[in-house]
Amino acid sequence: MKYIPRWLEVRLEGALQANPVIVLTGPRQVGKSTLLEYANFLKEWRYLTLDDPDTLEQAKEDPKGLFLENKPTIIDEVQRCPELLLTVKYLVDKSRRSRKFILSGSGNISLRQAPRETLAGRARYLHLTGFAFREFLGLSAQGIFDQIWEGADIEASNVKASFNMDHTVWRGGLPGIILSSNDKIALERLSGYVDTYIRRDIQDLVKVRHPQNFRRLMEVLAKSAGWESVQEELSKACGETRTNVSRYISLLKDTNLLYDLKGYVYKNERAYRQSKYFWFDSGTACFLAGIRSTKDLNRQRARGRYLENFILQQILAWTSLQIEEPEIFYWKPKNADGEVDFVVTSVGKGVGIEVKSSKEIKFKDTRHMRSFLKVHPEIEKGIIVYAGEKVYPVASNVYAVPWFVF
């Protein structure tokens, strides 16, 4: 199968010029190993994986001997041997930061904590998401959203969609799923992915006494994607204590499978602050929620919610490319109806984003966005992502943007 270049390659290559060690994290099966094996600029690097029992044994018993060859080195699945990081630190310091390493593995606690303690001041952390839709199509990361973020004025233009929105949202962005030749194979792979994750990742990190309750919690979180969640309600729904629910949610966040968006509050504004939870992948969220087809997606009146999750994936893929990674919030005032789904902010910049599953956007549809921009002058522009086929300014500083070009 032909390798599809990833947007993060350019970011990774640039970060290596300034840092001796790169730690590449991300959920299982988003393509970390594939990127490290096939990216052109890494062709001359030595590739080691601790999934290889012989390599793992040497890493534990003779770590210095593993690096006798003075070449830039990739160590995949490094979380299997955290003590190897002491040798990496020693070699980086001995070479006066001239030796280069890329450490990769699933975004779990053992990988996240050990490098931060051992490689402080030496490592840069990068995160790989599943495919952004435009990335999968081989398009540039500098799309409409990036142009609006940089302050460009966008002129009206028609764009033709050759993809089914519901089917794209249902498949999500995991390489193995999006590349499946048919939906039956995609379902089989999604089922295996969820079961393997529970068995390999969570059970490696913590003893889950009642795996069925943990699975039920994931299903409840998937069904309520994008809603404000109260842990007491989640506890009742999955039959676990609030303490365990909090612990499990922390694990899902630490493994980069669940994202916790807080409410955007400016100064003394009366707006909601509680968490909204989204999954890292709309396809996985649909599967966990029991949505087995695009018919189910429409039958359950859930397409808007999972389209919202899908758009968050596109935002996350974009933010992972930035040197100063922007923050993502939602905005919901307490004294009015309506909300802005996402508020993306960084130093001196900000964009509000609403997601609608309708095929047409009129001026009245921008009411909440206009209210938001009026009371938040620090946010310069707004975007309405929708199911149509035209990019156009629909109000002052508010643009309608089709889902497939966002």
Protein backbone atom coordinates (compact mmCIF):
# COMPACT_ATOMS: atom_id res chain seq x y z
CA MET A 1 0.00 0.00 0.00
CA LYS A 2 1.35 3.43 -0.96
CA TYR A 3 2.50 5.62 1.91
CA ILE A 4 0.53 8.85 2.34
CA PRO A 5 2.85 11.64 3.59
CA ARG A 6 1.79 13.17 6.91
CA TRP A 7 1.54 16.87 7.64
CA LEU A 8 3.58 16.41 10.81
CA GLU A 9 6.68 15.44 8.80
CA VAL A 10 7.59 19.08 8.13
CA ARG A 11 7.04 20.00 11.78
CA LEU A 12 9.14 17.03 12.90
CA GLU A 13 12.00 17.84 10.54
CA GLY A 14 12.07 21.45 11.72
CA ALA A 15 11.98 20.50 15.40
CA LEU A 16 14.97 18.17 14.93
CA GLN A 17 17.12 21.12 13.86
CA ALA A 18 16.69 22.72 17.29
CA ASN A 19 16.33 19.71 19.59
CA PRO A 20 18.42 16.55 20.09
CA VAL A 21 15.41 14.46 21.12
CA ILE A 22 11.86 14.38 19.77
CA VAL A 23 9.18 12.49 21.66
CA LEU A 24 6.37 11.54 19.27
CA THR A 25 3.12 10.53 20.98
CA GLY A 26 -0.40 9.74 19.90
CA PRO A 27 -3.02 7.00 20.28
CA ARG A 28 -2.40 3.54 18.90
CA GLN A 29 -2.86 3.05 15.17
CA VAL A 30 -2.73 6.72 14.12
CA GLY A 31 0.36 6.02 11.99
CA LYS A 32 3.37 6.88 14.18
CA SER A 33 5.43 3.81 13.23
CA THR A 34 4.50 4.13 9.56
CA LEU A 35 5.59 7.79 9.50
CA LEU A 36 8.93 6.96 11.13
CA GLU A 37 9.61 4.08 8.74
CA TYR A 38 8.63 5.79 5.48
CA ALA A 39 9.21 9.56 5.80
CA ASN A 40 11.87 10.48 3.22
CA PHE A 41 13.99 12.64 5.52
CA LEU A 42 14.34 9.71 7.96
CA LYS A 43 15.55 7.17 5.39
CA GLU A 44 19.13 7.22 6.74
CA TRP A 45 18.09 6.93 10.37
CA ARG A 46 18.49 3.69 12.29
CA TYR A 47 15.07 2.28 13.23
CA LEU A 48 14.63 0.18 16.38
CA THR A 49 11.36 -1.07 17.80
CA LEU A 50 10.99 -2.46 21.29
CA ASP A 51 8.20 -4.66 19.96
CA ASP A 52 11.13 -6.84 18.80
CA PRO A 53 11.87 -9.17 21.77
CA ASP A 54 15.61 -9.29 21.00
CA THR A 55 15.89 -5.49 20.85
CA LEU A 56 13.86 -5.16 24.04
CA GLU A 57 16.11 -7.64 25.83
CA GLN A 58 19.24 -5.74 24.82
CA ALA A 59 17.64 -2.41 25.79
CA LYS A 60 17.13 -3.77 29.30
CA GLU A 61 20.43 -5.63 29.73
CA ASP A 62 22.94 -3.77 27.51
CA PRO A 63 21.51 -0.33 26.63
CA LYS A 64 24.88 1.23 25.72
CA GLY A 65 25.64 -1.65 23.39
CA LEU A 66 22.41 -0.92 21.55
CA PHE A 67 23.81 2.46 20.45
CA LEU A 68 27.42 1.65 19.57
CA GLU A 69 26.66 2.71 16.00
CA ASN A 70 26.83 6.52 16.02
CA LYS A 71 23.78 7.24 13.87
CA PRO A 72 20.60 9.21 14.45
CA THR A 73 18.20 6.67 15.92
CA ILE A 74 14.47 6.08 16.11
CA ILE A 75 13.25 4.05 19.11
CA ASP A 76 9.66 2.94 18.63
CA GLU A 77 7.43 1.64 21.47
CA VAL A 78 9.92 3.17 23.91
CA GLN A 79 7.42 2.95 26.78
CA ARG A 80 8.30 -0.76 27.04
CA CYS A 81 11.68 0.16 28.55
CA PRO A 82 11.59 3.59 30.29
CA GLU A 83 15.04 2.98 31.83
CA LEU A 84 16.51 3.24 28.31
CA LEU A 85 15.94 6.99 28.53
CA LEU A 86 18.86 7.35 30.95
CA THR A 87 21.19 6.03 28.23
CA VAL A 88 19.65 8.40 25.66
CA LYS A 89 20.25 11.31 28.05
CA TYR A 90 23.85 10.20 28.62
CA LEU A 91 24.59 9.95 24.87
CA VAL A 92 22.99 13.32 24.12
CA ASP A 93 25.01 15.03 26.82
CA LYS A 94 28.24 13.22 25.94
CA SER A 95 27.92 14.31 22.29
CA ARG A 96 27.09 17.88 23.36
CA ARG A 97 23.62 17.49 21.89
CA SER A 98 24.88 16.42 18.44
CA ARG A 99 23.34 12.91 18.58
CA LYS A 100 19.72 12.82 17.52
CA PHE A 101 16.92 10.55 18.76
CA ILE A 102 13.23 10.17 18.05
CA LEU A 103 11.32 8.32 20.77
CA SER A 104 7.86 7.11 19.92
CA GLY A 105 5.03 5.21 21.53
CA SER A 106 1.40 5.33 22.50
CA GLY A 107 0.41 8.41 24.48
CA ASN A 108 0.15 6.68 27.82
CA ILE A 109 1.28 7.69 31.29
CA SER A 110 4.56 5.76 31.28
CA LEU A 111 5.66 7.45 28.06
CA ARG A 112 4.47 10.91 29.08
CA GLN A 113 6.06 11.06 32.54
CA ALA A 114 9.39 9.27 32.15
CA PRO A 115 10.84 11.46 29.35
CA ARG A 116 9.78 14.69 31.07
CA GLU A 117 11.73 13.75 34.17
CA THR A 118 14.78 12.25 32.43
CA LEU A 119 15.05 14.39 29.29
CA ALA A 120 14.17 17.81 30.71
CA GLY A 121 15.65 20.54 28.51
CA ARG A 122 16.59 18.06 25.78
CA ALA A 123 13.31 16.88 24.30
CA ARG A 124 10.53 18.42 22.24
CA TYR A 125 7.11 16.77 22.34
CA LEU A 126 5.06 16.36 19.18
CA HIS A 127 1.67 14.72 18.83
CA LEU A 128 0.34 12.76 15.86
CA THR A 129 -3.42 12.59 15.31
CA GLY A 130 -5.32 10.41 12.89
CA PHE A 131 -5.62 11.69 9.35
CA ALA A 132 -7.09 15.12 8.85
CA PHE A 133 -9.45 14.78 5.89
CA ARG A 134 -7.50 17.18 3.68
CA GLU A 135 -4.28 15.46 4.71
CA PHE A 136 -5.70 12.11 3.61
CA LEU A 137 -6.48 13.66 0.21
CA GLY A 138 -2.86 14.79 -0.14
CA LEU A 139 -3.68 18.50 0.24
CA SER A 140 -1.65 21.16 2.03
CA ALA A 141 -2.13 22.01 5.70
CA GLN A 142 -2.49 25.66 4.65
CA GLY A 143 -6.19 25.47 3.87
CA ILE A 144 -9.11 27.83 4.43
CA PHE A 145 -8.89 27.68 8.22
CA ASP A 146 -5.17 28.45 8.21
CA GLN A 147 -5.77 31.41 5.86
CA ILE A 148 -8.50 32.84 8.10
CA TRP A 149 -6.29 32.27 11.16
CA GLU A 150 -3.52 34.28 9.50
CA GLY A 151 -5.91 37.15 8.79
CA ALA A 152 -6.49 36.69 5.06
CA ASP A 153 -9.71 37.95 3.49
CA ILE A 154 -11.51 35.05 1.83
CA GLU A 155 -13.39 35.65 -1.40
CA ALA A 156 -16.50 33.71 -2.36
CA SER A 157 -15.86 30.55 -4.37
CA ASN A 158 -17.74 27.41 -5.31
CA VAL A 159 -16.19 24.04 -4.43
CA LYS A 160 -17.53 20.68 -5.54
CA ALA A 161 -17.80 17.83 -3.05
CA SER A 162 -17.08 14.34 -4.34
CA PHE A 163 -17.35 12.77 -0.88
CA ASN A 164 -20.30 11.78 1.27
CA MET A 165 -20.16 13.75 4.52
CA ASP A 166 -22.00 11.20 6.68
CA HIS A 167 -19.85 8.33 5.48
CA THR A 168 -16.65 10.33 6.04
CA VAL A 169 -17.67 11.25 9.59
CA TRP A 170 -18.68 7.64 10.30
CA ARG A 171 -15.28 6.32 9.12
CA GLY A 172 -13.24 8.95 11.01
CA GLY A 173 -9.49 9.36 10.58
CA LEU A 174 -7.70 6.21 11.76
CA PRO A 175 -5.54 5.05 8.82
CA GLY A 176 -6.62 1.41 9.06
CA ILE A 177 -10.29 2.40 9.04
CA ILE A 178 -10.26 5.16 6.45
CA LEU A 179 -8.29 2.90 4.06
CA SER A 180 -10.61 -0.10 4.52
CA SER A 181 -11.97 -1.32 1.19
CA ASN A 182 -15.54 -1.61 2.54
CA ASP A 183 -17.60 -0.82 5.63
CA LYS A 184 -17.69 -4.44 6.81
CA ILE A 185 -13.90 -4.49 7.10
CA ALA A 186 -13.97 -1.04 8.72
CA LEU A 187 -16.38 -2.32 11.39
CA GLU A 188 -14.25 -5.38 12.03
CA ARG A 189 -11.16 -3.23 12.50
CA LEU A 190 -12.96 -0.77 14.76
CA SER A 191 -14.17 -3.62 16.96
CA GLY A 192 -10.67 -5.03 17.21
CA TYR A 193 -9.23 -1.59 17.91
CA VAL A 194 -11.52 -0.94 20.89
CA ASP A 195 -10.96 -4.40 22.38
CA THR A 196 -7.19 -4.27 21.87
CA TYR A 197 -7.00 -0.82 23.42
CA ILE A 198 -8.81 -1.97 26.58
CA ARG A 199 -6.63 -5.07 26.86
CA ARG A 200 -3.22 -3.61 26.01
CA ASP A 201 -3.24 0.01 27.10
CA ILE A 202 -5.62 0.49 30.01
CA GLN A 203 -4.85 -2.87 31.66
CA ASP A 204 -1.13 -2.06 31.39
CA LEU A 205 -1.65 1.18 33.27
CA VAL A 206 -4.13 0.37 35.99
CA LYS A 207 -6.07 -2.55 37.36
CA VAL A 208 -9.63 -2.20 36.05
CA ARG A 209 -11.72 -4.36 38.40
CA HIS A 210 -14.82 -4.21 36.25
CA PRO A 211 -13.84 -3.88 32.55
CA GLN A 212 -17.52 -3.98 31.55
CA ASN A 213 -18.15 -0.79 33.56
CA PHE A 214 -15.19 0.91 31.94
CA ARG A 215 -16.49 -0.11 28.50
CA ARG A 216 -19.93 1.24 29.47
CA LEU A 217 -18.36 4.54 30.52
CA MET A 218 -16.67 4.85 27.13
CA GLU A 219 -19.99 4.15 25.43
CA VAL A 220 -21.78 6.80 27.53
CA LEU A 221 -19.04 9.34 26.81
CA ALA A 222 -19.31 8.53 23.09
CA LYS A 223 -23.10 8.90 23.06
CA SER A 224 -22.80 12.27 24.82
CA ALA A 225 -19.91 13.60 22.72
CA GLY A 226 -19.99 17.38 22.71
CA TRP A 227 -22.42 17.70 25.64
CA GLU A 228 -21.61 19.12 29.04
CA SER A 229 -21.01 16.09 31.24
CA VAL A 230 -21.50 15.76 35.00
CA GLN A 231 -19.49 12.98 36.66
CA GLU A 232 -22.37 12.10 38.98
CA GLU A 233 -24.56 11.36 35.95
CA LEU A 234 -21.74 9.41 34.29
CA SER A 235 -21.31 7.40 37.49
CA LYS A 236 -24.98 6.37 37.52
CA ALA A 237 -24.94 5.52 33.81
CA CYS A 238 -21.97 3.14 33.99
CA GLY A 239 -22.41 1.74 37.50
CA GLU A 240 -19.08 2.98 38.85
CA THR A 241 -18.16 5.23 41.76
CA ARG A 242 -17.44 8.89 41.03
CA THR A 243 -13.84 8.27 42.10
CA ASN A 244 -13.40 5.53 39.52
CA VAL A 245 -15.18 7.55 36.84
CA SER A 246 -12.77 10.43 37.47
CA ARG A 247 -9.82 8.03 37.35
CA TYR A 248 -10.98 6.40 34.12
CA ILE A 249 -11.60 9.75 32.44
CA SER A 250 -8.08 10.82 33.43
CA LEU A 251 -6.72 7.65 31.83
CA LEU A 252 -8.65 8.28 28.62
CA LYS A 253 -7.30 11.82 28.50
CA ASP A 254 -3.73 10.73 29.31
CA THR A 255 -3.85 8.19 26.50
CA ASN A 256 -5.03 10.93 24.10
CA LEU A 257 -8.32 9.16 23.38
CA LEU A 258 -10.56 11.72 25.06
CA TYR A 259 -10.39 15.51 24.89
CA ASP A 260 -11.68 17.73 27.65
CA LEU A 261 -12.81 21.16 26.40
CA LYS A 262 -13.47 23.85 28.99
CA GLY A 263 -15.83 26.76 28.61
CA TYR A 264 -14.32 30.00 27.31
CA VAL A 265 -14.71 32.76 29.90
CA TYR A 266 -13.37 36.28 29.38
CA LYS A 267 -12.80 38.41 32.47
CA ASN A 268 -15.97 38.32 34.62
CA GLU A 269 -18.26 36.98 31.91
CA ARG A 270 -21.12 34.70 33.00
CA ALA A 271 -20.49 31.64 30.87
CA TYR A 272 -20.29 27.90 31.44
CA ARG A 273 -16.93 26.45 32.46
CA GLN A 274 -17.71 22.74 32.90
CA SER A 275 -16.13 20.14 30.66
CA LYS A 276 -17.31 18.89 27.32
CA TYR A 277 -15.80 15.60 26.21
CA PHE A 278 -14.95 14.65 22.65
CA TRP A 279 -13.26 11.56 21.23
CA PHE A 280 -10.01 11.74 19.30
CA ASP A 281 -11.76 10.14 16.34
CA SER A 282 -15.36 10.40 15.12
CA GLY A 283 -15.30 6.85 13.72
CA THR A 284 -14.33 5.40 17.10
CA ALA A 285 -16.95 7.58 18.81
CA CYS A 286 -19.66 6.36 16.42
CA PHE A 287 -18.68 2.73 16.99
CA LEU A 288 -18.71 3.08 20.78
CA ALA A 289 -22.10 4.83 20.58
CA GLY A 290 -23.56 1.85 18.70
CA ILE A 291 -23.73 3.64 15.35
CA ARG A 292 -22.92 0.91 12.84
CA SER A 293 -23.81 2.69 9.60
CA THR A 294 -24.61 6.07 8.12
CA LYS A 295 -28.28 5.13 8.38
CA ASP A 296 -27.84 4.81 12.13
CA LEU A 297 -26.11 8.18 12.14
CA ASN A 298 -29.22 9.83 10.73
CA ARG A 299 -31.75 7.61 12.49
CA GLN A 300 -30.41 8.57 15.89
CA ARG A 301 -30.35 12.27 14.95
CA ALA A 302 -26.69 12.29 15.84
CA ARG A 303 -25.03 13.49 12.63
CA GLY A 304 -24.58 17.07 13.90
CA ARG A 305 -22.88 15.91 17.09
CA TYR A 306 -20.43 13.59 15.34
CA LEU A 307 -19.80 16.11 12.57
CA GLU A 308 -18.76 18.43 15.42
CA ASN A 309 -16.39 15.73 16.72
CA PHE A 310 -15.02 15.28 13.18
CA ILE A 311 -14.32 19.01 12.83
CA LEU A 312 -12.52 18.99 16.18
CA GLN A 313 -10.23 16.30 14.71
CA GLN A 314 -9.35 18.66 11.87
CA ILE A 315 -8.60 21.45 14.36
CA LEU A 316 -6.43 19.15 16.49
CA ALA A 317 -4.44 18.03 13.44
CA TRP A 318 -3.81 21.70 12.58
CA THR A 319 -2.89 22.78 16.13
CA SER A 320 -0.34 19.94 16.36
CA LEU A 321 1.64 21.63 13.56
CA GLN A 322 2.04 24.98 15.30
CA ILE A 323 5.21 25.92 17.19
CA GLU A 324 3.06 27.51 19.90
CA GLU A 325 0.10 25.16 20.08
CA PRO A 326 -3.22 27.05 20.37
CA GLU A 327 -5.82 26.20 23.02
CA ILE A 328 -9.34 25.04 22.20
CA PHE A 329 -12.48 25.95 24.19
CA TYR A 330 -16.23 26.20 23.66
CA TRP A 331 -18.39 29.23 24.52
CA LYS A 332 -21.84 29.07 26.09
CA PRO A 333 -23.22 32.13 27.92
CA LYS A 334 -25.47 31.54 30.93
CA ASN A 335 -27.86 34.36 30.11
CA ALA A 336 -28.72 33.37 26.50
CA ASP A 337 -29.43 30.38 24.30
CA GLY A 338 -26.99 29.10 21.72
CA GLU A 339 -23.24 28.64 21.80
CA VAL A 340 -20.05 28.67 19.75
CA ASP A 341 -18.77 25.11 19.38
CA PHE A 342 -15.04 25.87 19.35
CA VAL A 343 -12.91 28.86 20.25
CA VAL A 344 -9.31 28.47 19.10
CA THR A 345 -6.92 30.92 20.74
CA SER A 346 -3.23 31.68 20.84
CA VAL A 347 -1.13 34.73 21.66
CA GLY A 348 -2.80 37.69 19.93
CA LYS A 349 -5.08 35.52 17.75
CA GLY A 350 -8.42 33.83 18.00
CA VAL A 351 -11.15 32.30 15.81
CA GLY A 352 -14.65 31.12 16.74
CA ILE A 353 -16.09 28.06 14.97
CA GLU A 354 -19.66 26.79 14.74
CA VAL A 355 -20.58 23.49 13.12
CA LYS A 356 -23.91 22.98 11.34
CA SER A 357 -25.09 19.98 9.33
CA SER A 358 -27.35 22.08 7.06
CA LYS A 359 -26.53 22.64 3.39
CA GLU A 360 -27.14 26.39 3.43
CA ILE A 361 -26.08 29.20 5.77
CA LYS A 362 -27.99 32.47 5.94
CA PHE A 363 -27.34 35.65 7.88
CA LYS A 364 -29.76 34.61 10.65
CA ASP A 365 -27.67 31.48 11.20
CA THR A 366 -24.75 33.65 12.34
CA ARG A 367 -26.67 35.16 15.29
CA HIS A 368 -24.74 33.34 18.00
CA MET A 369 -21.40 33.91 16.31
CA ARG A 370 -22.11 37.63 15.90
CA SER A 371 -23.07 37.87 19.58
CA PHE A 372 -19.86 36.12 20.53
CA LEU A 373 -17.65 38.37 18.39
CA LYS A 374 -19.42 41.47 19.70
CA VAL A 375 -18.57 40.72 23.34
CA HIS A 376 -15.16 39.25 22.53
CA PRO A 377 -13.10 41.76 20.55
CA GLU A 378 -10.01 39.62 21.22
CA ILE A 379 -11.49 37.04 18.78
CA GLU A 380 -11.23 38.51 15.33
CA LYS A 381 -13.19 36.20 13.05
CA GLY A 382 -15.78 33.46 12.98
CA ILE A 383 -16.33 30.40 10.81
CA ILE A 384 -19.53 28.45 10.20
CA VAL A 385 -18.61 24.95 8.99
CA TYR A 386 -21.53 23.45 7.09
CA ALA A 387 -22.60 20.76 4.61
CA GLY A 388 -22.77 23.01 1.54
CA GLU A 389 -20.40 23.59 -1.38
CA LYS A 390 -19.52 27.29 -1.29
CA VAL A 391 -16.99 29.37 0.61
CA TYR A 392 -18.30 32.88 1.23
CA PRO A 393 -18.50 35.73 3.76
CA VAL A 394 -21.97 35.50 5.29
CA ALA A 395 -21.58 38.42 7.74
CA SER A 396 -18.89 40.86 8.82
CA ASN A 397 -15.86 38.73 9.76
CA VAL A 398 -17.93 35.53 9.56
CA TYR A 399 -17.30 32.98 6.81
CA ALA A 400 -19.28 29.94 5.68
CA VAL A 401 -16.85 27.07 4.94
CA PRO A 402 -17.77 23.60 3.62
CA TRP A 403 -16.75 20.71 5.86
CA PHE A 404 -14.50 19.07 3.27
CA VAL A 405 -12.27 22.12 2.67
CA PHE A 406 -11.97 23.19 6.32
